[in-house]
PDB file of all heavy atoms in Angstrom:
ATOM      1  N   ASP A   1      18.242 -28.047 -71.913  1.00  0.00           N
ATOM      2  CA  ASP A   1      17.591 -29.316 -72.229  1.00  0.00           C
ATOM      3  C   ASP A   1      16.802 -29.856 -71.057  1.00  0.00           C
ATOM      4  O   ASP A   1      16.020 -30.818 -71.222  1.00  0.00           O
ATOM      5  CB  ASP A   1      18.658 -30.335 -72.653  1.00  0.00           C
ATOM      6  CG  ASP A   1      19.693 -30.609 -71.568  1.00  0.00           C
ATOM      7  OD1 ASP A   1      19.977 -29.685 -70.777  1.00  0.00           O
ATOM      8  OD2 ASP A   1      20.185 -31.733 -71.494  1.00  0.00           O
ATOM      9  N   ARG A   2      16.931 -29.273 -69.882  1.00  0.00           N
ATOM     10  CA  ARG A   2      16.150 -29.709 -68.713  1.00  0.00           C
ATOM     11  C   ARG A   2      15.080 -28.689 -68.351  1.00  0.00           C
ATOM     12  O   ARG A   2      14.573 -28.702 -67.217  1.00  0.00           O
ATOM     13  CB  ARG A   2      17.107 -29.917 -67.521  1.00  0.00           C
ATOM     14  CG  ARG A   2      18.018 -31.120 -67.685  1.00  0.00           C
ATOM     15  CD  ARG A   2      18.751 -31.444 -66.396  1.00  0.00           C
ATOM     16  NE  ARG A   2      19.888 -30.556 -66.159  1.00  0.00           N
ATOM     17  CZ  ARG A   2      20.146 -29.930 -65.024  1.00  0.00           C
ATOM     18  NH1 ARG A   2      19.328 -30.074 -63.988  1.00  0.00           N
ATOM     19  NH2 ARG A   2      21.212 -29.199 -64.893  1.00  0.00           N
ATOM     20  N   ALA A   3      14.692 -27.842 -69.296  1.00  0.00           N
ATOM     21  CA  ALA A   3      13.754 -26.777 -69.022  1.00  0.00           C
ATOM     22  C   ALA A   3      12.555 -26.839 -69.935  1.00  0.00           C
ATOM     23  O   ALA A   3      12.691 -27.003 -71.140  1.00  0.00           O
ATOM     24  CB  ALA A   3      14.440 -25.403 -69.153  1.00  0.00           C
ATOM     25  N   THR A   4      11.373 -26.670 -69.328  1.00  0.00           N
ATOM     26  CA  THR A   4      10.124 -26.475 -70.075  1.00  0.00           C
ATOM     27  C   THR A   4       9.575 -25.119 -69.663  1.00  0.00           C
ATOM     28  O   THR A   4       9.289 -24.897 -68.483  1.00  0.00           O
ATOM     29  CB  THR A   4       9.110 -27.592 -69.711  1.00  0.00           C
ATOM     30  OG1 THR A   4       9.662 -28.874 -70.069  1.00  0.00           O
ATOM     31  CG2 THR A   4       7.806 -27.365 -70.478  1.00  0.00           C
ATOM     32  N   LEU A   5       9.440 -24.226 -70.643  1.00  0.00           N
ATOM     33  CA  LEU A   5       8.986 -22.853 -70.333  1.00  0.00           C
ATOM     34  C   LEU A   5       7.567 -22.687 -70.797  1.00  0.00           C
ATOM     35  O   LEU A   5       7.173 -23.085 -71.876  1.00  0.00           O
ATOM     36  CB  LEU A   5       9.912 -21.838 -71.047  1.00  0.00           C
ATOM     37  CG  LEU A   5      11.418 -22.013 -70.776  1.00  0.00           C
ATOM     38  CD1 LEU A   5      12.194 -20.803 -71.310  1.00  0.00           C
ATOM     39  CD2 LEU A   5      11.718 -22.190 -69.297  1.00  0.00           C
ATOM     40  N   VAL A   6       6.763 -22.019 -69.935  1.00  0.00           N
ATOM     41  CA  VAL A   6       5.331 -21.881 -70.162  1.00  0.00           C
ATOM     42  C   VAL A   6       4.893 -20.441 -69.985  1.00  0.00           C
ATOM     43  O   VAL A   6       5.222 -19.809 -68.970  1.00  0.00           O
ATOM     44  CB  VAL A   6       4.531 -22.777 -69.199  1.00  0.00           C
ATOM     45  CG1 VAL A   6       3.029 -22.659 -69.463  1.00  0.00           C
ATOM     46  CG2 VAL A   6       4.988 -24.233 -69.273  1.00  0.00           C
ATOM     47  N   HIS A   7       4.153 -19.928 -70.968  1.00  0.00           N
ATOM     48  CA  HIS A   7       3.577 -18.599 -70.865  1.00  0.00           C
ATOM     49  C   HIS A   7       2.268 -18.655 -70.053  1.00  0.00           C
ATOM     50  O   HIS A   7       1.243 -19.171 -70.545  1.00  0.00           O
ATOM     51  CB  HIS A   7       3.320 -18.029 -72.254  1.00  0.00           C
ATOM     52  CG  HIS A   7       2.700 -16.654 -72.249  1.00  0.00           C
ATOM     53  ND1 HIS A   7       1.640 -16.315 -73.054  1.00  0.00           N
ATOM     54  CD2 HIS A   7       2.959 -15.565 -71.521  1.00  0.00           C
ATOM     55  CE1 HIS A   7       1.299 -15.063 -72.827  1.00  0.00           C
ATOM     56  NE2 HIS A   7       2.113 -14.571 -71.909  1.00  0.00           N
ATOM     57  N   ALA A   8       2.284 -18.183 -68.838  1.00  0.00           N
ATOM     58  CA  ALA A   8       1.126 -18.219 -67.952  1.00  0.00           C
ATOM     59  C   ALA A   8       1.367 -17.316 -66.772  1.00  0.00           C
ATOM     60  O   ALA A   8       2.489 -16.871 -66.542  1.00  0.00           O
ATOM     61  CB  ALA A   8       0.872 -19.649 -67.465  1.00  0.00           C
ATOM     62  N   THR A   9       0.331 -17.004 -66.030  1.00  0.00           N
ATOM     63  CA  THR A   9       0.499 -16.322 -64.753  1.00  0.00           C
ATOM     64  C   THR A   9       0.716 -17.378 -63.684  1.00  0.00           C
ATOM     65  O   THR A   9       0.294 -18.536 -63.806  1.00  0.00           O
ATOM     66  CB  THR A   9      -0.723 -15.468 -64.393  1.00  0.00           C
ATOM     67  OG1 THR A   9      -1.904 -16.279 -64.456  1.00  0.00           O
ATOM     68  CG2 THR A   9      -0.844 -14.292 -65.343  1.00  0.00           C
ATOM     69  N   TYR A  10       1.391 -16.995 -62.590  1.00  0.00           N
ATOM     70  CA  TYR A  10       1.840 -18.021 -61.663  1.00  0.00           C
ATOM     71  C   TYR A  10       0.773 -18.552 -60.747  1.00  0.00           C
ATOM     72  O   TYR A  10       1.018 -19.482 -59.978  1.00  0.00           O
ATOM     73  CB  TYR A  10       3.087 -17.545 -60.903  1.00  0.00           C
ATOM     74  CG  TYR A  10       2.939 -16.289 -60.075  1.00  0.00           C
ATOM     75  CD1 TYR A  10       2.974 -16.323 -58.686  1.00  0.00           C
ATOM     76  CD2 TYR A  10       2.828 -15.043 -60.672  1.00  0.00           C
ATOM     77  CE1 TYR A  10       2.886 -15.176 -57.936  1.00  0.00           C
ATOM     78  CE2 TYR A  10       2.751 -13.903 -59.934  1.00  0.00           C
ATOM     79  CZ  TYR A  10       2.767 -13.975 -58.580  1.00  0.00           C
ATOM     80  OH  TYR A  10       2.649 -12.825 -57.826  1.00  0.00           O
ATOM     81  N   ASP A  11      -0.431 -18.004 -60.824  1.00  0.00           N
ATOM     82  CA  ASP A  11      -1.536 -18.644 -60.121  1.00  0.00           C
ATOM     83  C   ASP A  11      -2.056 -19.835 -60.878  1.00  0.00           C
ATOM     84  O   ASP A  11      -2.968 -20.545 -60.392  1.00  0.00           O
ATOM     85  CB  ASP A  11      -2.666 -17.645 -59.818  1.00  0.00           C
ATOM     86  CG  ASP A  11      -3.252 -17.033 -61.084  1.00  0.00           C
ATOM     87  OD1 ASP A  11      -2.555 -17.009 -62.124  1.00  0.00           O
ATOM     88  OD2 ASP A  11      -4.373 -16.527 -61.019  1.00  0.00           O
ATOM     89  N   GLU A  12      -1.505 -20.102 -62.063  1.00  0.00           N
ATOM     90  CA  GLU A  12      -1.915 -21.241 -62.881  1.00  0.00           C
ATOM     91  C   GLU A  12      -0.953 -22.428 -62.703  1.00  0.00           C
ATOM     92  O   GLU A  12      -0.919 -23.320 -63.549  1.00  0.00           O
ATOM     93  CB  GLU A  12      -1.959 -20.836 -64.348  1.00  0.00           C
ATOM     94  CG  GLU A  12      -2.986 -19.746 -64.649  1.00  0.00           C
ATOM     95  CD  GLU A  12      -2.943 -19.271 -66.104  1.00  0.00           C
ATOM     96  OE1 GLU A  12      -2.064 -18.453 -66.461  1.00  0.00           O
ATOM     97  OE2 GLU A  12      -3.806 -19.738 -66.888  1.00  0.00           O
ATOM     98  N   ILE A  13      -0.193 -22.454 -61.617  1.00  0.00           N
ATOM     99  CA  ILE A  13       0.792 -23.525 -61.400  1.00  0.00           C
ATOM    100  C   ILE A  13       0.150 -24.897 -61.481  1.00  0.00           C
ATOM    101  O   ILE A  13       0.677 -25.801 -62.172  1.00  0.00           O
ATOM    102  CB  ILE A  13       1.461 -23.345 -60.020  1.00  0.00           C
ATOM    103  CG1 ILE A  13       2.351 -22.109 -59.994  1.00  0.00           C
ATOM    104  CG2 ILE A  13       2.274 -24.597 -59.621  1.00  0.00           C
ATOM    105  CD1 ILE A  13       2.943 -21.814 -58.639  1.00  0.00           C
ATOM    106  N   ARG A  14      -0.951 -25.066 -60.813  1.00  0.00           N
ATOM    107  CA  ARG A  14      -1.621 -26.403 -60.814  1.00  0.00           C
ATOM    108  C   ARG A  14      -1.992 -26.816 -62.225  1.00  0.00           C
ATOM    109  O   ARG A  14      -1.761 -27.963 -62.649  1.00  0.00           O
ATOM    110  CB  ARG A  14      -2.856 -26.335 -59.929  1.00  0.00           C
ATOM    111  CG  ARG A  14      -3.398 -27.741 -59.573  1.00  0.00           C
ATOM    112  CD  ARG A  14      -4.822 -27.599 -59.056  1.00  0.00           C
ATOM    113  NE  ARG A  14      -4.959 -26.638 -57.989  1.00  0.00           N
ATOM    114  CZ  ARG A  14      -4.901 -26.927 -56.696  1.00  0.00           C
ATOM    115  NH1 ARG A  14      -4.699 -28.201 -56.354  1.00  0.00           N
ATOM    116  NH2 ARG A  14      -5.044 -26.009 -55.790  1.00  0.00           N
ATOM    117  N   ASP A  15      -2.576 -25.878 -63.033  1.00  0.00           N
ATOM    118  CA  ASP A  15      -2.973 -26.206 -64.391  1.00  0.00           C
ATOM    119  C   ASP A  15      -1.770 -26.518 -65.275  1.00  0.00           C
ATOM    120  O   ASP A  15      -1.804 -27.427 -66.112  1.00  0.00           O
ATOM    121  CB  ASP A  15      -3.755 -25.053 -64.999  1.00  0.00           C
ATOM    122  CG  ASP A  15      -5.114 -24.853 -64.349  1.00  0.00           C
ATOM    123  OD1 ASP A  15      -5.631 -25.807 -63.742  1.00  0.00           O
ATOM    124  OD2 ASP A  15      -5.655 -23.741 -64.441  1.00  0.00           O
ATOM    125  N   VAL A  16      -0.670 -25.767 -65.074  1.00  0.00           N
ATOM    126  CA  VAL A  16       0.537 -26.008 -65.864  1.00  0.00           C
ATOM    127  C   VAL A  16       1.085 -27.400 -65.585  1.00  0.00           C
ATOM    128  O   VAL A  16       1.423 -28.154 -66.515  1.00  0.00           O
ATOM    129  CB  VAL A  16       1.603 -24.920 -65.536  1.00  0.00           C
ATOM    130  CG1 VAL A  16       2.950 -25.318 -66.130  1.00  0.00           C
ATOM    131  CG2 VAL A  16       1.166 -23.568 -66.072  1.00  0.00           C
ATOM    132  N   LEU A  17       1.135 -27.785 -64.315  1.00  0.00           N
ATOM    133  CA  LEU A  17       1.644 -29.109 -63.969  1.00  0.00           C
ATOM    134  C   LEU A  17       0.730 -30.209 -64.524  1.00  0.00           C
ATOM    135  O   LEU A  17       1.201 -31.234 -65.021  1.00  0.00           O
ATOM    136  CB  LEU A  17       1.781 -29.250 -62.443  1.00  0.00           C
ATOM    137  CG  LEU A  17       2.882 -28.396 -61.816  1.00  0.00           C
ATOM    138  CD1 LEU A  17       2.819 -28.480 -60.294  1.00  0.00           C
ATOM    139  CD2 LEU A  17       4.271 -28.807 -62.311  1.00  0.00           C
ATOM    140  N   THR A  18      -0.574 -29.995 -64.426  1.00  0.00           N
ATOM    141  CA  THR A  18      -1.549 -30.976 -64.962  1.00  0.00           C
ATOM    142  C   THR A  18      -1.356 -31.146 -66.439  1.00  0.00           C
ATOM    143  O   THR A  18      -1.357 -32.275 -66.953  1.00  0.00           O
ATOM    144  CB  THR A  18      -2.978 -30.532 -64.640  1.00  0.00           C
ATOM    145  OG1 THR A  18      -3.142 -30.468 -63.207  1.00  0.00           O
ATOM    146  CG2 THR A  18      -3.984 -31.508 -65.243  1.00  0.00           C
ATOM    147  N   ASP A  19      -1.211 -30.042 -67.167  1.00  0.00           N
ATOM    148  CA  ASP A  19      -1.020 -30.102 -68.630  1.00  0.00           C
ATOM    149  C   ASP A  19       0.252 -30.858 -68.994  1.00  0.00           C
ATOM    150  O   ASP A  19       0.328 -31.455 -70.095  1.00  0.00           O
ATOM    151  CB  ASP A  19      -0.976 -28.709 -69.230  1.00  0.00           C
ATOM    152  CG  ASP A  19      -2.309 -27.984 -69.173  1.00  0.00           C
ATOM    153  OD1 ASP A  19      -3.326 -28.671 -68.972  1.00  0.00           O
ATOM    154  OD2 ASP A  19      -2.343 -26.775 -69.342  1.00  0.00           O
ATOM    155  N   LEU A  20       1.241 -30.862 -68.092  1.00  0.00           N
ATOM    156  CA  LEU A  20       2.498 -31.559 -68.361  1.00  0.00           C
ATOM    157  C   LEU A  20       2.496 -32.960 -67.769  1.00  0.00           C
ATOM    158  O   LEU A  20       3.553 -33.637 -67.757  1.00  0.00           O
ATOM    159  CB  LEU A  20       3.669 -30.747 -67.783  1.00  0.00           C
ATOM    160  CG  LEU A  20       3.921 -29.377 -68.416  1.00  0.00           C
ATOM    161  CD1 LEU A  20       4.981 -28.611 -67.607  1.00  0.00           C
ATOM    162  CD2 LEU A  20       4.349 -29.513 -69.877  1.00  0.00           C
ATOM    163  N   ASP A  21       1.337 -33.393 -67.276  1.00  0.00           N
ATOM    164  CA  ASP A  21       1.181 -34.734 -66.658  1.00  0.00           C
ATOM    165  C   ASP A  21       2.114 -34.931 -65.468  1.00  0.00           C
ATOM    166  O   ASP A  21       2.693 -35.990 -65.250  1.00  0.00           O
ATOM    167  CB  ASP A  21       1.430 -35.846 -67.685  1.00  0.00           C
ATOM    168  CG  ASP A  21       0.334 -35.888 -68.764  1.00  0.00           C
ATOM    169  OD1 ASP A  21      -0.838 -35.625 -68.419  1.00  0.00           O
ATOM    170  OD2 ASP A  21       0.654 -36.170 -69.930  1.00  0.00           O
ATOM    171  N   LEU A  22       2.267 -33.884 -64.681  1.00  0.00           N
ATOM    172  CA  LEU A  22       3.120 -33.930 -63.496  1.00  0.00           C
ATOM    173  C   LEU A  22       2.217 -33.867 -62.259  1.00  0.00           C
ATOM    174  O   LEU A  22       1.372 -32.983 -62.155  1.00  0.00           O
ATOM    175  CB  LEU A  22       4.107 -32.766 -63.491  1.00  0.00           C
ATOM    176  CG  LEU A  22       5.134 -32.759 -64.618  1.00  0.00           C
ATOM    177  CD1 LEU A  22       5.906 -31.440 -64.630  1.00  0.00           C
ATOM    178  CD2 LEU A  22       6.086 -33.963 -64.464  1.00  0.00           C
ATOM    179  N   PRO A  23       2.366 -34.758 -61.301  1.00  0.00           N
ATOM    180  CA  PRO A  23       1.496 -34.804 -60.120  1.00  0.00           C
ATOM    181  C   PRO A  23       1.760 -33.727 -59.127  1.00  0.00           C
ATOM    182  O   PRO A  23       0.949 -33.468 -58.234  1.00  0.00           O
ATOM    183  CB  PRO A  23       1.754 -36.192 -59.533  1.00  0.00           C
ATOM    184  CG  PRO A  23       3.170 -36.518 -59.968  1.00  0.00           C
ATOM    185  CD  PRO A  23       3.319 -35.897 -61.320  1.00  0.00           C
ATOM    186  N   GLY A  24       2.928 -33.086 -59.194  1.00  0.00           N
ATOM    187  CA  GLY A  24       3.267 -32.045 -58.218  1.00  0.00           C
ATOM    188  C   GLY A  24       4.680 -31.556 -58.433  1.00  0.00           C
ATOM    189  O   GLY A  24       5.319 -31.867 -59.435  1.00  0.00           O
ATOM    190  N   ALA A  25       5.172 -30.780 -57.475  1.00  0.00           N
ATOM    191  CA  ALA A  25       6.516 -30.188 -57.563  1.00  0.00           C
ATOM    192  C   ALA A  25       7.317 -30.545 -56.309  1.00  0.00           C
ATOM    193  O   ALA A  25       6.737 -30.749 -55.232  1.00  0.00           O
ATOM    194  CB  ALA A  25       6.443 -28.699 -57.740  1.00  0.00           C
ATOM    195  N   HIS A  26       8.631 -30.584 -56.478  1.00  0.00           N
ATOM    196  CA  HIS A  26       9.520 -30.817 -55.335  1.00  0.00           C
ATOM    197  C   HIS A  26      10.094 -29.517 -54.780  1.00  0.00           C
ATOM    198  O   HIS A  26      10.549 -29.490 -53.649  1.00  0.00           O
ATOM    199  CB  HIS A  26      10.662 -31.755 -55.754  1.00  0.00           C
ATOM    200  CG  HIS A  26      10.198 -33.095 -56.221  1.00  0.00           C
ATOM    201  ND1 HIS A  26       9.764 -33.341 -57.509  1.00  0.00           N
ATOM    202  CD2 HIS A  26      10.048 -34.276 -55.534  1.00  0.00           C
ATOM    203  CE1 HIS A  26       9.403 -34.618 -57.629  1.00  0.00           C
ATOM    204  NE2 HIS A  26       9.562 -35.187 -56.454  1.00  0.00           N
ATOM    205  N   ALA A  27      10.066 -28.464 -55.577  1.00  0.00           N
ATOM    206  CA  ALA A  27      10.502 -27.153 -55.110  1.00  0.00           C
ATOM    207  C   ALA A  27       9.854 -26.093 -55.980  1.00  0.00           C
ATOM    208  O   ALA A  27       9.641 -26.287 -57.152  1.00  0.00           O
ATOM    209  CB  ALA A  27      12.037 -27.042 -55.202  1.00  0.00           C
ATOM    210  N   VAL A  28       9.552 -24.967 -55.313  1.00  0.00           N
ATOM    211  CA  VAL A  28       8.926 -23.823 -56.009  1.00  0.00           C
ATOM    212  C   VAL A  28       9.645 -22.548 -55.597  1.00  0.00           C
ATOM    213  O   VAL A  28       9.922 -22.340 -54.402  1.00  0.00           O
ATOM    214  CB  VAL A  28       7.431 -23.695 -55.675  1.00  0.00           C
ATOM    215  CG1 VAL A  28       6.840 -22.440 -56.306  1.00  0.00           C
ATOM    216  CG2 VAL A  28       6.659 -24.925 -56.118  1.00  0.00           C
ATOM    217  N   MET A  29       9.926 -21.717 -56.574  1.00  0.00           N
ATOM    218  CA  MET A  29      10.545 -20.412 -56.352  1.00  0.00           C
ATOM    219  C   MET A  29       9.631 -19.331 -56.882  1.00  0.00           C
ATOM    220  O   MET A  29       9.090 -19.434 -57.965  1.00  0.00           O
ATOM    221  CB  MET A  29      11.894 -20.335 -57.083  1.00  0.00           C
ATOM    222  CG  MET A  29      12.572 -18.975 -57.013  1.00  0.00           C
ATOM    223  SD  MET A  29      13.371 -18.732 -55.408  1.00  0.00           S
ATOM    224  CE  MET A  29      13.568 -16.937 -55.394  1.00  0.00           C
ATOM    225  N   MET A  30       9.464 -18.269 -56.082  1.00  0.00           N
ATOM    226  CA  MET A  30       8.756 -17.054 -56.542  1.00  0.00           C
ATOM    227  C   MET A  30       9.604 -15.857 -56.174  1.00  0.00           C
ATOM    228  O   MET A  30       9.851 -15.575 -55.001  1.00  0.00           O
ATOM    229  CB  MET A  30       7.368 -16.926 -55.864  1.00  0.00           C
ATOM    230  CG  MET A  30       6.369 -17.975 -56.215  1.00  0.00           C
ATOM    231  SD  MET A  30       4.764 -17.602 -55.388  1.00  0.00           S
ATOM    232  CE  MET A  30       3.825 -19.045 -55.895  1.00  0.00           C
ATOM    233  N   ASP A  31      10.021 -15.131 -57.181  1.00  0.00           N
ATOM    234  CA  ASP A  31      10.773 -13.889 -57.024  1.00  0.00           C
ATOM    235  C   ASP A  31       9.820 -12.774 -57.546  1.00  0.00           C
ATOM    236  O   ASP A  31       9.736 -12.585 -58.735  1.00  0.00           O
ATOM    237  CB  ASP A  31      12.068 -13.908 -57.787  1.00  0.00           C
ATOM    238  CG  ASP A  31      12.928 -12.675 -57.582  1.00  0.00           C
ATOM    239  OD1 ASP A  31      12.622 -11.884 -56.668  1.00  0.00           O
ATOM    240  OD2 ASP A  31      13.908 -12.507 -58.342  1.00  0.00           O
ATOM    241  N   LEU A  32       9.175 -12.082 -56.643  1.00  0.00           N
ATOM    242  CA  LEU A  32       8.051 -11.211 -56.999  1.00  0.00           C
ATOM    243  C   LEU A  32       8.534  -9.862 -57.518  1.00  0.00           C
ATOM    244  O   LEU A  32       9.718  -9.563 -57.485  1.00  0.00           O
ATOM    245  CB  LEU A  32       7.126 -11.025 -55.801  1.00  0.00           C
ATOM    246  CG  LEU A  32       6.635 -12.328 -55.168  1.00  0.00           C
ATOM    247  CD1 LEU A  32       5.814 -12.023 -53.929  1.00  0.00           C
ATOM    248  CD2 LEU A  32       5.819 -13.168 -56.162  1.00  0.00           C
ATOM    249  N   GLY A  33       7.589  -9.065 -57.951  1.00  0.00           N
ATOM    250  CA  GLY A  33       7.905  -7.696 -58.341  1.00  0.00           C
ATOM    251  C   GLY A  33       8.358  -7.565 -59.782  1.00  0.00           C
ATOM    252  O   GLY A  33       8.084  -8.415 -60.649  1.00  0.00           O
ATOM    253  N   LEU A  34       9.086  -6.488 -60.067  1.00  0.00           N
ATOM    254  CA  LEU A  34       9.481  -6.121 -61.414  1.00  0.00           C
ATOM    255  C   LEU A  34      10.931  -6.495 -61.646  1.00  0.00           C
ATOM    256  O   LEU A  34      11.765  -6.330 -60.765  1.00  0.00           O
ATOM    257  CB  LEU A  34       9.310  -4.596 -61.571  1.00  0.00           C
ATOM    258  CG  LEU A  34       9.234  -4.031 -62.980  1.00  0.00           C
ATOM    259  CD1 LEU A  34       8.018  -4.536 -63.720  1.00  0.00           C
ATOM    260  CD2 LEU A  34       9.190  -2.498 -62.906  1.00  0.00           C
ATOM    261  N   SER A  35      11.229  -7.017 -62.830  1.00  0.00           N
ATOM    262  CA  SER A  35      12.605  -7.381 -63.147  1.00  0.00           C
ATOM    263  C   SER A  35      13.351  -6.187 -63.767  1.00  0.00           C
ATOM    264  O   SER A  35      12.718  -5.255 -64.282  1.00  0.00           O
ATOM    265  CB  SER A  35      12.650  -8.561 -64.126  1.00  0.00           C
ATOM    266  OG  SER A  35      12.311  -8.121 -65.437  1.00  0.00           O
ATOM    267  N   SER A  36      14.668  -6.261 -63.733  1.00  0.00           N
ATOM    268  CA  SER A  36      15.476  -5.204 -64.344  1.00  0.00           C
ATOM    269  C   SER A  36      15.174  -5.086 -65.842  1.00  0.00           C
ATOM    270  O   SER A  36      15.180  -4.005 -66.398  1.00  0.00           O
ATOM    271  CB  SER A  36      16.961  -5.512 -64.136  1.00  0.00           C
ATOM    272  OG  SER A  36      17.273  -5.642 -62.766  1.00  0.00           O
ATOM    273  N   PHE A  37      14.906  -6.219 -66.474  1.00  0.00           N
ATOM    274  CA  PHE A  37      14.570  -6.200 -67.903  1.00  0.00           C
ATOM    275  C   PHE A  37      13.356  -5.343 -68.193  1.00  0.00           C
ATOM    276  O   PHE A  37      13.332  -4.564 -69.137  1.00  0.00           O
ATOM    277  CB  PHE A  37      14.365  -7.640 -68.392  1.00  0.00           C
ATOM    278  CG  PHE A  37      13.479  -7.746 -69.618  1.00  0.00           C
ATOM    279  CD1 PHE A  37      13.934  -7.252 -70.840  1.00  0.00           C
ATOM    280  CD2 PHE A  37      12.240  -8.316 -69.533  1.00  0.00           C
ATOM    281  CE1 PHE A  37      13.089  -7.364 -71.955  1.00  0.00           C
ATOM    282  CE2 PHE A  37      11.412  -8.419 -70.627  1.00  0.00           C
ATOM    283  CZ  PHE A  37      11.859  -7.931 -71.867  1.00  0.00           C
TER     284      PHE A  37
END
């Protein structure tokens, strides 16, 4: 209930936040590479 999930590439962070009317972020995580899935 505290999650908003967005289909995008992570270089679109700024656009994603803008679309959600958010001025910025307090923390960002990037775990790069390929997932086990």
